[in-house]
């Protein structure tokens, strides 16, 4: 799952697991016990499937992995996990070594380690049901903290959230025939139900740990929910079930009596890629949960307040947490700078022409909300003989150049480009690179359509400013995000434009970030 859907996943915690696609190449027994399975084909498959059967492996470079192998584990021993480490780090070179923690000094058997007692759990040195043990080590914390960063203290009392039971048949056809129970759970902390922004963690149980084998012990006794309650994590617990004999990808015909997740190929030879039945179902669950995320509420009640021959004035209801708003006309942003009020007059429009508008709120971190509704405003007067281009924007802004882009006009093959009221050139494309400009200088642009010997009115005026020579900001990552030089993504600061990972989003990590062009920053 981690390798196949790396574009959607931040990292993985692996307790007693072997190399990627191991049992797809050999008998599954060669991937267990005290074996040292070859990883040559695993690495080769990962590279050849990249961007096709699986997500681009470039995503793996920024992943964080926590591996746990018990010294007394004879089911999936340390030698197997040594090969997994080599696959990720030393031989495969998919993930930097500093992003991977391999804990192999825990004196435990084949079990999920915790640091608290729960009724019915087995001893740490025992490989027996429910395979959850007090080993004096909090496995859930170790995994969550390594992937997501520092955590607030866990809730050791009564949980404040709720367990939601749902039907997995909605996400996979013939769930039970494909090794998945009809029932699964998701734990939702109260803070998430109340509207806080929350992260999603997918917690796969091990073999013999599904609900039909050990009831709700894995869902409730592993410790994930205690950390979720105080750190805004939604925990998804999909459920596997035992099935009868089917053909495996390795060529053998074996049953899945232990209700394992498909790491052998019981339900199709594509079990380890994106089309695999179980992984594809889990991805649908992820998409369902995350589809409701919006970083900020959408403005409501957008309406047209007034129109003239060349103006449309709009208004909307304020969003309390917004720092401003962006207005979009026919899909393109109509404002050059953020709108701080709840009204806006769109100027320089064509007479007798209809325009469709939406408005989005902007958060303090620079994220946009969804649009709540759209409205259509029509200017008064007679429409022009030829429509003027709309959607004029500037991109690739540097200290001495910028590129203008606009929407095409039906039936028009030539456009005039104006700078500061003076005609620059005529072009046949819907873009123009204006060069040899002065750094740190503001310019005003318009374009018009030309058909035969007739020219349309000029488009909306766009004002854009060239950059000064490379400007750098040496500040902590929290301030970089506050100043919109970076964004906060799952607890990490990412530079705007280059998307470079600057490290943890906090006051303690400092980064020298340089602006090399408009809305584009690089680590220096």
Protein backbone atom coordinates (compact mmCIF):
# COMPACT_ATOMS: atom_id res chain seq x y z
CA UNK A 1 0.00 0.00 0.00
CA UNK A 2 2.79 2.39 0.96
CA UNK A 3 4.75 1.84 -2.26
CA UNK A 4 1.76 1.55 -4.60
CA UNK A 5 0.07 4.74 -3.38
CA UNK A 6 3.11 6.78 -2.31
CA UNK A 7 1.64 10.00 -3.75
CA UNK A 8 -1.12 9.92 -1.12
CA UNK A 9 0.85 8.58 1.86
CA UNK A 10 3.29 10.38 4.13
CA UNK A 11 5.03 7.37 5.68
CA UNK A 12 4.59 3.92 7.15
CA UNK A 13 5.05 2.00 10.38
CA UNK A 14 6.00 -1.62 9.73
CA UNK A 15 5.86 -4.23 12.50
CA UNK A 16 7.31 -7.58 11.37
CA UNK A 17 6.97 -7.11 7.61
CA UNK A 18 9.06 -8.20 4.65
CA UNK A 19 10.25 -6.60 1.40
CA UNK A 20 7.81 -5.19 -1.14
CA UNK A 21 6.23 -7.76 -3.51
CA UNK A 22 8.34 -10.53 -1.93
CA UNK A 23 5.75 -13.30 -2.16
CA UNK A 24 4.86 -12.26 -5.69
CA UNK A 25 8.21 -13.66 -6.81
CA UNK A 26 8.73 -16.76 -4.67
CA UNK A 27 7.01 -19.07 -2.21
CA UNK A 28 5.62 -17.02 0.68
CA UNK A 29 7.64 -19.11 3.14
CA UNK A 30 10.80 -17.55 1.69
CA UNK A 31 9.55 -14.19 3.00
CA UNK A 32 9.05 -15.38 6.59
CA UNK A 33 10.76 -17.01 9.54
CA UNK A 34 14.55 -16.48 9.52
CA UNK A 35 14.86 -16.15 5.74
CA UNK A 36 16.84 -13.53 3.85
CA UNK A 37 14.71 -13.13 0.71
CA UNK A 38 16.29 -11.63 -2.38
CA UNK A 39 15.31 -8.03 -3.03
CA UNK A 40 16.77 -7.76 -6.54
CA UNK A 41 13.44 -8.32 -8.29
CA UNK A 42 11.59 -6.19 -5.71
CA UNK A 43 13.80 -3.23 -6.56
CA UNK A 44 13.56 -3.90 -10.29
CA UNK A 45 9.74 -4.14 -10.18
CA UNK A 46 9.47 -0.95 -8.15
CA UNK A 47 11.48 0.97 -10.72
CA UNK A 48 9.79 -0.49 -13.79
CA UNK A 49 6.27 -0.05 -12.37
CA UNK A 50 6.91 3.55 -11.26
CA UNK A 51 4.38 6.01 -12.63
CA UNK A 52 2.34 3.22 -14.16
CA UNK A 53 1.28 0.31 -11.98
CA UNK A 54 2.33 2.24 -8.89
CA UNK A 55 2.74 5.94 -8.09
CA UNK A 56 6.00 7.64 -9.09
CA UNK A 57 8.77 6.36 -6.82
CA UNK A 58 10.09 9.93 -6.48
CA UNK A 59 7.40 10.27 -3.80
CA UNK A 60 9.24 7.74 -1.63
CA UNK A 61 12.21 10.06 -1.14
CA UNK A 62 10.25 12.23 1.30
CA UNK A 63 8.54 9.37 3.15
CA UNK A 64 9.30 8.52 6.79
CA UNK A 65 9.44 4.86 7.84
CA UNK A 66 9.47 3.27 11.32
CA UNK A 67 10.33 -0.45 11.39
CA UNK A 68 9.97 -2.72 14.45
CA UNK A 69 11.45 -6.24 14.65
CA UNK A 70 11.42 -8.23 17.90
CA UNK A 71 14.55 -10.14 18.84
CA UNK A 72 12.39 -13.18 19.76
CA UNK A 73 10.20 -13.02 16.62
CA UNK A 74 10.59 -16.32 14.74
CA UNK A 75 7.52 -15.76 12.49
CA UNK A 76 8.96 -12.79 10.60
CA UNK A 77 12.46 -12.55 12.01
CA UNK A 78 15.01 -9.72 11.96
CA UNK A 79 16.74 -11.20 8.91
CA UNK A 80 13.58 -10.66 6.85
CA UNK A 81 13.29 -7.06 8.01
CA UNK A 82 16.99 -6.48 7.32
CA UNK A 83 16.13 -7.13 3.67
CA UNK A 84 13.26 -4.67 3.90
CA UNK A 85 15.67 -2.01 5.19
CA UNK A 86 18.05 -2.76 2.32
CA UNK A 87 15.13 -2.49 -0.14
CA UNK A 88 14.21 0.95 1.16
CA UNK A 89 17.63 2.40 1.94
CA UNK A 90 20.95 0.79 1.11
CA UNK A 91 20.23 -1.20 -2.06
CA UNK A 92 17.01 0.31 -3.42
CA UNK A 93 18.01 3.84 -2.38
CA UNK A 94 14.36 4.88 -2.46
CA UNK A 95 14.36 6.59 0.95
CA UNK A 96 17.22 8.49 2.68
CA UNK A 97 18.62 6.67 5.73
CA UNK A 98 17.81 9.62 8.00
CA UNK A 99 14.10 9.11 7.23
CA UNK A 100 14.09 5.48 8.37
CA UNK A 101 14.21 4.17 11.96
CA UNK A 102 14.82 0.43 12.37
CA UNK A 103 14.17 -0.67 15.95
CA UNK A 104 15.47 -4.22 16.37
CA UNK A 105 16.50 -4.27 20.03
CA UNK A 106 13.03 -4.93 21.47
CA UNK A 107 12.90 -8.27 23.30
CA UNK A 108 9.54 -9.30 21.88
CA UNK A 109 7.98 -12.13 19.94
CA UNK A 110 5.62 -11.79 16.96
CA UNK A 111 3.35 -9.19 18.55
CA UNK A 112 2.31 -5.54 18.44
CA UNK A 113 4.14 -3.76 21.30
CA UNK A 114 2.46 -1.39 23.77
CA UNK A 115 3.41 0.00 27.18
CA UNK A 116 0.13 -0.72 28.97
CA UNK A 117 -1.91 -3.76 30.00
CA UNK A 118 -5.20 -4.71 28.38
CA UNK A 119 -7.48 -7.63 29.24
CA UNK A 120 -6.73 -10.76 27.19
CA UNK A 121 -3.42 -9.63 25.72
CA UNK A 122 -0.53 -12.09 25.45
CA UNK A 123 2.91 -11.79 27.04
CA UNK A 124 5.60 -9.89 25.20
CA UNK A 125 7.69 -13.02 24.68
CA UNK A 126 4.73 -15.09 23.49
CA UNK A 127 3.54 -15.51 19.90
CA UNK A 128 -0.12 -16.06 20.69
CA UNK A 129 -3.51 -14.42 20.30
CA UNK A 130 -4.31 -11.53 20.22
CA UNK A 131 -0.67 -10.73 19.29
CA UNK A 132 -0.77 -7.47 21.31
CA UNK A 133 1.56 -7.17 24.31
CA UNK A 134 2.81 -4.85 27.04
CA UNK A 135 6.48 -4.77 26.08
CA UNK A 136 7.23 -1.52 27.90
CA UNK A 137 7.41 0.16 24.50
CA UNK A 138 4.68 2.26 22.91
CA UNK A 139 4.68 1.11 19.28
CA UNK A 140 1.79 3.38 18.28
CA UNK A 141 3.56 6.45 19.62
CA UNK A 142 6.87 5.54 17.99
CA UNK A 143 5.21 5.13 14.59
CA UNK A 144 2.98 8.21 14.77
CA UNK A 145 5.67 10.51 16.15
CA UNK A 146 8.25 9.49 13.56
CA UNK A 147 5.87 9.98 10.66
CA UNK A 148 4.06 13.14 11.80
CA UNK A 149 6.36 14.87 14.29
CA UNK A 150 6.10 15.68 18.03
CA UNK A 151 2.87 14.63 19.75
CA UNK A 152 0.87 16.07 22.62
CA UNK A 153 0.49 13.71 25.64
CA UNK A 154 -1.94 10.88 24.99
CA UNK A 155 -5.33 10.42 26.63
CA UNK A 156 -4.98 7.65 29.24
CA UNK A 157 -8.58 8.05 30.41
CA UNK A 158 -11.91 7.56 28.71
CA UNK A 159 -11.81 8.38 25.01
CA UNK A 160 -13.79 11.43 23.93
CA UNK A 161 -14.32 10.37 20.31
CA UNK A 162 -16.46 7.72 18.70
CA UNK A 163 -16.02 4.48 16.78
CA UNK A 164 -17.94 4.45 13.50
CA UNK A 165 -18.78 1.04 12.05
CA UNK A 166 -19.15 0.91 8.25
CA UNK A 167 -19.70 -1.61 5.47
CA UNK A 168 -16.64 -2.40 3.32
CA UNK A 169 -18.86 -3.84 0.56
CA UNK A 170 -19.22 -0.26 -0.65
CA UNK A 171 -15.50 -0.14 -1.49
CA UNK A 172 -14.87 -3.60 -2.97
CA UNK A 173 -17.12 -5.97 -4.91
CA UNK A 174 -17.74 -9.28 -3.14
CA UNK A 175 -15.78 -8.20 -0.07
CA UNK A 176 -15.70 -11.53 1.74
CA UNK A 177 -14.72 -13.47 -1.39
CA UNK A 178 -11.76 -11.11 -1.69
CA UNK A 179 -10.61 -11.48 1.90
CA UNK A 180 -12.29 -8.40 3.40
CA UNK A 181 -14.98 -8.37 6.06
CA UNK A 182 -18.23 -6.55 5.41
CA UNK A 183 -17.62 -4.55 8.60
CA UNK A 184 -14.77 -2.19 9.54
CA UNK A 185 -14.22 0.76 11.88
CA UNK A 186 -12.91 4.30 11.97
CA UNK A 187 -12.12 6.16 15.19
CA UNK A 188 -12.97 9.88 15.07
CA UNK A 189 -11.81 12.12 17.96
CA UNK A 190 -14.30 14.68 19.23
CA UNK A 191 -12.05 17.51 18.01
CA UNK A 192 -12.33 16.16 14.46
CA UNK A 193 -16.12 15.83 14.71
CA UNK A 194 -16.23 19.41 15.98
CA UNK A 195 -14.50 20.71 12.86
CA UNK A 196 -10.77 20.73 13.60
CA UNK A 197 -8.42 19.88 10.74
CA UNK A 198 -7.31 16.27 11.31
CA UNK A 199 -4.86 13.82 9.80
CA UNK A 200 -5.81 10.31 8.67
CA UNK A 201 -3.82 7.24 9.78
CA UNK A 202 -4.57 3.82 8.27
CA UNK A 203 -3.97 1.00 10.79
CA UNK A 204 -3.78 -2.47 9.21
CA UNK A 205 -4.12 -5.37 11.63
CA UNK A 206 -1.88 -8.41 11.26
CA UNK A 207 -2.73 -12.02 10.48
CA UNK A 208 -5.13 -13.52 13.06
CA UNK A 209 -5.92 -9.99 14.32
CA UNK A 210 -9.12 -9.20 12.43
CA UNK A 211 -12.38 -8.68 14.29
CA UNK A 212 -13.60 -12.20 13.47
CA UNK A 213 -10.47 -13.62 15.15
CA UNK A 214 -9.95 -11.37 18.21
CA UNK A 215 -13.05 -9.17 18.34
CA UNK A 216 -12.22 -5.44 18.84
CA UNK A 217 -8.85 -5.91 20.58
CA UNK A 218 -6.77 -4.57 17.68
CA UNK A 219 -9.14 -1.66 17.17
CA UNK A 220 -9.12 -0.68 20.85
CA UNK A 221 -5.96 -2.09 22.54
CA UNK A 222 -3.04 -1.03 20.32
CA UNK A 223 -2.84 2.53 21.65
CA UNK A 224 -3.53 4.42 18.43
CA UNK A 225 -6.79 5.90 19.73
CA UNK A 226 -5.15 7.33 22.87
CA UNK A 227 -2.79 9.41 20.73
CA UNK A 228 -5.49 10.18 18.18
CA UNK A 229 -7.71 11.72 20.85
CA UNK A 230 -5.23 14.48 21.72
CA UNK A 231 -3.45 14.94 18.40
CA UNK A 232 -6.27 15.20 15.85
CA UNK A 233 -5.77 11.82 14.14
CA UNK A 234 -8.60 9.91 12.51
CA UNK A 235 -7.69 6.20 12.66
CA UNK A 236 -9.05 3.92 9.93
CA UNK A 237 -9.22 0.20 10.81
CA UNK A 238 -10.04 -1.86 7.69
CA UNK A 239 -10.76 -5.53 8.35
CA UNK A 240 -9.62 -8.73 6.60
CA UNK A 241 -11.18 -12.20 6.90
CA UNK A 242 -10.13 -15.80 6.29
CA UNK A 243 -11.02 -17.40 2.93
CA UNK A 244 -10.86 -20.82 1.28
CA UNK A 245 -8.21 -22.03 -1.16
CA UNK A 246 -7.49 -19.78 -4.15
CA UNK A 247 -4.61 -19.49 -6.59
CA UNK A 248 -1.72 -17.35 -5.40
CA UNK A 249 0.56 -15.18 -7.52
CA UNK A 250 3.46 -17.49 -6.62
CA UNK A 251 1.85 -20.39 -8.44
CA UNK A 252 0.79 -22.33 -5.34
CA UNK A 253 -2.77 -23.07 -4.33
CA UNK A 254 -3.08 -22.23 -0.65
CA UNK A 255 -5.80 -20.97 1.69
CA UNK A 256 -5.80 -17.81 3.78
CA UNK A 257 -7.10 -19.34 7.04
CA UNK A 258 -5.53 -16.65 9.24
CA UNK A 259 -7.37 -13.71 7.71
CA UNK A 260 -4.15 -11.99 6.56
CA UNK A 261 -4.11 -9.00 4.28
CA UNK A 262 -3.11 -10.07 0.79
CA UNK A 263 0.70 -10.14 0.69
CA UNK A 264 0.79 -13.42 -1.28
CA UNK A 265 -1.58 -12.97 -4.21
CA UNK A 266 -4.65 -14.84 -2.96
CA UNK A 267 -7.00 -12.40 -4.67
CA UNK A 268 -5.05 -11.58 -7.83
CA UNK A 269 -1.51 -11.40 -9.15
CA UNK A 270 -1.75 -7.58 -9.00
CA UNK A 271 -2.02 -7.61 -5.18
CA UNK A 272 1.02 -5.32 -4.71
CA UNK A 273 0.11 -2.59 -7.23
CA UNK A 274 -2.64 0.05 -7.42
CA UNK A 275 -5.12 -2.24 -9.17
CA UNK A 276 -4.91 -4.84 -6.38
CA UNK A 277 -8.40 -5.43 -5.00
CA UNK A 278 -7.66 -4.82 -1.32
CA UNK A 279 -5.31 -1.86 -1.76
CA UNK A 280 -7.66 -0.21 -4.24
CA UNK A 281 -10.48 -0.60 -1.69
CA UNK A 282 -8.37 0.99 1.06
CA UNK A 283 -7.51 3.89 -1.26
CA UNK A 284 -11.24 4.46 -1.87
CA UNK A 285 -11.75 4.62 1.91
CA UNK A 286 -8.93 7.15 2.21
CA UNK A 287 -10.43 9.23 -0.60
CA UNK A 288 -13.88 9.12 1.01
CA UNK A 289 -12.61 10.39 4.35
CA UNK A 290 -10.28 13.07 2.98
CA UNK A 291 -12.75 14.33 0.36
CA UNK A 292 -14.52 16.34 3.03
CA UNK A 293 -11.43 18.38 3.89
CA UNK A 294 -11.45 22.12 3.29
CA UNK A 295 -8.84 24.26 5.03
CA UNK A 296 -11.37 27.05 5.58
CA UNK A 297 -15.12 27.56 5.23
CA UNK A 298 -16.48 28.81 1.91
CA UNK A 299 -18.10 32.28 1.70
CA UNK A 300 -21.86 32.06 1.26
CA UNK A 301 -24.53 34.23 -0.34
CA UNK A 302 -22.45 35.54 -3.26
CA UNK A 303 -24.70 37.93 -5.21
CA UNK A 304 -24.57 40.66 -7.85
CA UNK A 305 -25.14 44.05 -6.25
CA UNK A 306 -24.97 46.36 -9.29
CA UNK A 307 -23.98 46.50 -12.95
CA UNK A 308 -22.99 49.21 -15.46
CA UNK A 309 -21.77 49.07 -19.06
CA UNK A 310 -18.32 47.96 -17.93
CA UNK A 311 -18.62 46.96 -14.26
CA UNK A 312 -20.14 44.24 -12.09
CA UNK A 313 -20.21 44.76 -8.31
CA UNK A 314 -20.54 41.68 -6.10
CA UNK A 315 -20.94 40.98 -2.39
CA UNK A 316 -20.88 37.94 -0.08
CA UNK A 317 -21.12 36.92 3.58
CA UNK A 318 -17.89 37.12 5.61
CA UNK A 319 -15.99 34.07 6.87
CA UNK A 320 -14.75 34.72 10.41
CA UNK A 321 -11.40 32.91 10.02
CA UNK A 322 -10.53 34.35 6.59
CA UNK A 323 -7.71 36.81 6.01
CA UNK A 324 -9.23 37.76 2.67
CA UNK A 325 -10.92 36.53 -0.49
CA UNK A 326 -10.24 35.75 -4.14
CA UNK A 327 -12.91 36.37 -6.78
CA UNK A 328 -12.98 34.27 -9.93
CA UNK A 329 -14.55 35.37 -13.21
CA UNK A 330 -15.23 32.61 -15.75
CA UNK A 331 -12.77 30.45 -13.82
CA UNK A 332 -9.87 32.96 -13.75
CA UNK A 333 -8.99 35.14 -10.78
CA UNK A 334 -10.38 38.65 -11.22
CA UNK A 335 -8.48 40.40 -8.41
CA UNK A 336 -4.74 41.15 -8.51
CA UNK A 337 -4.33 41.40 -4.73
CA UNK A 338 -6.25 39.71 -1.95
CA UNK A 339 -9.66 41.29 -1.26
CA UNK A 340 -9.94 42.26 2.41
CA UNK A 341 -13.62 43.26 2.41
CA UNK A 342 -16.79 41.44 1.36
CA UNK A 343 -17.55 43.44 -1.80
CA UNK A 344 -15.66 43.85 -5.06
CA UNK A 345 -16.24 45.82 -8.25
CA UNK A 346 -14.94 44.10 -11.37
CA UNK A 347 -13.95 46.83 -13.83
CA UNK A 348 -13.05 47.13 -17.53
CA UNK A 349 -15.64 44.61 -18.70
CA UNK A 350 -17.30 44.45 -22.11
CA UNK A 351 -20.77 45.96 -22.38
CA UNK A 352 -23.75 43.67 -22.86
CA UNK A 353 -21.74 40.63 -21.80
CA UNK A 354 -22.45 37.92 -19.21
CA UNK A 355 -19.80 36.83 -16.68
CA UNK A 356 -19.93 33.99 -14.15
CA UNK A 357 -18.37 34.56 -10.71
CA UNK A 358 -17.35 32.50 -7.69
CA UNK A 359 -15.59 33.63 -4.50
CA UNK A 360 -13.22 31.72 -2.21
CA UNK A 361 -11.96 32.52 1.28
CA UNK A 362 -8.20 32.59 1.95
CA UNK A 363 -6.76 31.30 5.26
CA UNK A 364 -3.80 32.79 7.15
CA UNK A 365 -1.63 30.05 5.64
CA UNK A 366 -2.68 31.02 2.12
CA UNK A 367 -5.00 28.05 1.50
CA UNK A 368 -8.25 28.60 -0.36
CA UNK A 369 -11.69 27.31 0.53
CA UNK A 370 -14.11 25.78 -1.90
CA UNK A 371 -16.61 28.01 -3.70
CA UNK A 372 -20.10 27.85 -2.17
CA UNK A 373 -22.16 29.14 -5.10
CA UNK A 374 -21.78 30.94 -8.42
CA UNK A 375 -23.65 33.90 -9.87
CA UNK A 376 -23.93 35.44 -13.33
CA UNK A 377 -23.71 39.18 -13.87
CA UNK A 378 -24.45 40.86 -17.21
CA UNK A 379 -23.17 44.34 -17.99
CA UNK A 380 -25.57 46.86 -19.51
CA UNK A 381 -25.34 48.29 -23.02
CA UNK A 382 -24.68 46.72 -26.41
CA UNK A 383 -22.08 43.97 -26.72
CA UNK A 384 -18.90 44.73 -28.74
CA UNK A 385 -18.58 43.47 -32.29
CA UNK A 386 -15.58 41.38 -31.26
CA UNK A 387 -15.12 39.96 -27.77
CA UNK A 388 -12.05 40.99 -25.84
CA UNK A 389 -9.89 38.22 -24.40
CA UNK A 390 -10.44 37.42 -20.73
CA UNK A 391 -8.40 35.55 -18.12
CA UNK A 392 -5.29 37.73 -18.52
CA UNK A 393 -2.61 36.56 -16.07
CA UNK A 394 1.15 36.83 -15.64
CA UNK A 395 3.43 33.87 -14.88
CA UNK A 396 7.14 33.06 -14.71
CA UNK A 397 7.83 36.52 -13.33
CA UNK A 398 11.52 37.20 -12.87
CA UNK A 399 13.58 40.34 -12.31
CA UNK A 400 13.55 41.24 -16.04
CA UNK A 401 10.72 39.30 -17.71
CA UNK A 402 7.26 37.80 -17.36
CA UNK A 403 4.91 35.76 -19.50
CA UNK A 404 1.36 36.92 -20.22
CA UNK A 405 -1.43 34.39 -20.79
CA UNK A 406 -5.09 34.83 -21.72
CA UNK A 407 -8.07 32.84 -22.96
CA UNK A 408 -8.67 32.43 -26.67
CA UNK A 409 -11.58 34.17 -28.42
CA UNK A 410 -13.61 32.13 -30.88
CA UNK A 411 -12.94 33.08 -34.51
CA UNK A 412 -9.93 35.29 -33.63
CA UNK A 413 -6.38 34.48 -34.76
CA UNK A 414 -4.54 37.70 -33.82
CA UNK A 415 -4.18 39.56 -30.54
CA UNK A 416 -2.67 42.97 -29.74
CA UNK A 417 -0.64 43.27 -26.55
CA UNK A 418 -0.49 46.61 -24.68
CA UNK A 419 1.91 47.67 -21.93
CA UNK A 420 1.23 50.84 -19.93
CA UNK A 421 -1.30 51.87 -22.60
CA UNK A 422 1.11 51.46 -25.54
CA UNK A 423 0.88 48.69 -28.09
CA UNK A 424 3.81 46.28 -27.84
CA UNK A 425 3.14 43.71 -30.54
CA UNK A 426 0.63 41.50 -32.32
CA UNK A 427 0.71 37.74 -31.75
CA UNK A 428 -1.19 34.71 -32.99
CA UNK A 429 -0.81 32.73 -29.74
CA UNK A 430 -2.61 33.30 -26.44
CA UNK A 431 0.62 34.07 -24.61
CA UNK A 432 3.47 36.54 -24.84
CA UNK A 433 6.85 36.69 -23.09
CA UNK A 434 7.73 40.31 -22.29
CA UNK A 435 11.50 40.61 -21.79
CA UNK A 436 14.16 43.21 -21.01
CA UNK A 437 12.10 44.71 -18.21
CA UNK A 438 13.43 46.66 -15.24
CA UNK A 439 13.67 44.81 -11.92
CA UNK A 440 11.32 45.81 -9.12
CA UNK A 441 9.04 47.72 -11.52
CA UNK A 442 5.26 47.59 -11.89
CA UNK A 443 3.75 47.26 -15.37
CA UNK A 444 0.14 47.46 -16.64
CA UNK A 445 -0.99 45.09 -19.40
CA UNK A 446 -4.05 44.64 -21.61
CA UNK A 447 -4.78 42.58 -24.73
CA UNK A 448 -7.35 42.92 -27.49
CA UNK A 449 -8.74 40.68 -30.25
CA UNK A 450 -8.24 41.50 -33.92
CA UNK A 451 -10.49 40.12 -36.67
CA UNK A 452 -10.06 41.33 -40.23
CA UNK A 453 -9.55 45.08 -39.79
CA UNK A 454 -11.59 45.36 -36.56
CA UNK A 455 -10.19 45.43 -33.05
CA UNK A 456 -12.13 44.63 -29.90
CA UNK A 457 -12.09 46.61 -26.71
CA UNK A 458 -9.10 46.02 -24.51
CA UNK A 459 -9.23 43.31 -21.86
CA UNK A 460 -9.21 43.87 -18.12
CA UNK A 461 -6.03 45.59 -17.02
CA UNK A 462 -3.45 43.41 -15.32
CA UNK A 463 -0.82 44.96 -13.07
CA UNK A 464 2.30 42.90 -12.42
CA UNK A 465 5.66 43.73 -10.88
CA UNK A 466 9.04 42.28 -11.77
CA UNK A 467 11.11 40.86 -8.97
CA UNK A 468 14.04 42.58 -7.43
CA UNK A 469 17.23 40.58 -7.72
CA UNK A 470 17.05 37.38 -5.66
CA UNK A 471 15.56 38.16 -2.24
CA UNK A 472 16.24 35.80 0.68
CA UNK A 473 14.51 35.40 4.04
CA UNK A 474 16.27 33.62 6.92
CA UNK A 475 13.48 32.81 9.36
CA UNK A 476 11.82 29.95 11.23
CA UNK A 477 9.42 27.70 9.37
CA UNK A 478 6.38 28.96 11.30
CA UNK A 479 6.99 32.52 10.09
CA UNK A 480 7.73 31.37 6.54
CA UNK A 481 4.25 29.82 6.44
CA UNK A 482 2.67 32.88 8.06
CA UNK A 483 4.24 35.09 5.36
CA UNK A 484 3.05 32.71 2.64
CA UNK A 485 6.54 31.80 1.54
CA UNK A 486 5.71 28.20 2.47
CA UNK A 487 2.72 26.02 3.29
CA UNK A 488 2.06 23.65 6.17
CA UNK A 489 1.61 20.10 4.85
CA UNK A 490 1.02 17.37 7.44
CA UNK A 491 3.32 19.03 9.97
CA UNK A 492 6.08 19.93 7.50
CA UNK A 493 6.84 23.25 5.82
CA UNK A 494 7.02 23.11 2.01
CA UNK A 495 8.43 26.02 0.00
CA UNK A 496 5.84 27.68 -2.23
CA UNK A 497 6.53 26.97 -5.89
CA UNK A 498 9.48 24.57 -5.58
CA UNK A 499 7.63 22.41 -3.00
CA UNK A 500 10.98 21.68 -1.30
CA UNK A 501 10.66 20.13 2.17
CA UNK A 502 12.04 22.61 4.73
CA UNK A 503 11.56 20.35 7.75
CA UNK A 504 9.10 20.50 10.61
CA UNK A 505 6.55 23.31 10.76
CA UNK A 506 7.55 24.98 14.04
CA UNK A 507 9.39 27.92 15.59
CA UNK A 508 12.65 26.04 16.07
CA UNK A 509 13.63 24.96 12.54
CA UNK A 510 15.10 27.86 10.56
CA UNK A 511 15.42 27.94 6.77
CA UNK A 512 17.09 30.41 4.42
CA UNK A 513 14.44 30.74 1.74
CA UNK A 514 14.98 32.78 -1.44
CA UNK A 515 12.35 34.19 -3.80
CA UNK A 516 13.58 33.67 -7.35
CA UNK A 517 10.36 34.56 -9.16
CA UNK A 518 6.76 35.36 -8.35
CA UNK A 519 5.25 32.77 -5.99
CA UNK A 520 8.39 30.65 -6.22
CA UNK A 521 10.83 30.06 -3.35
CA UNK A 522 13.88 27.84 -3.07
CA UNK A 523 16.02 26.72 -0.15
CA UNK A 524 19.39 28.45 -0.32
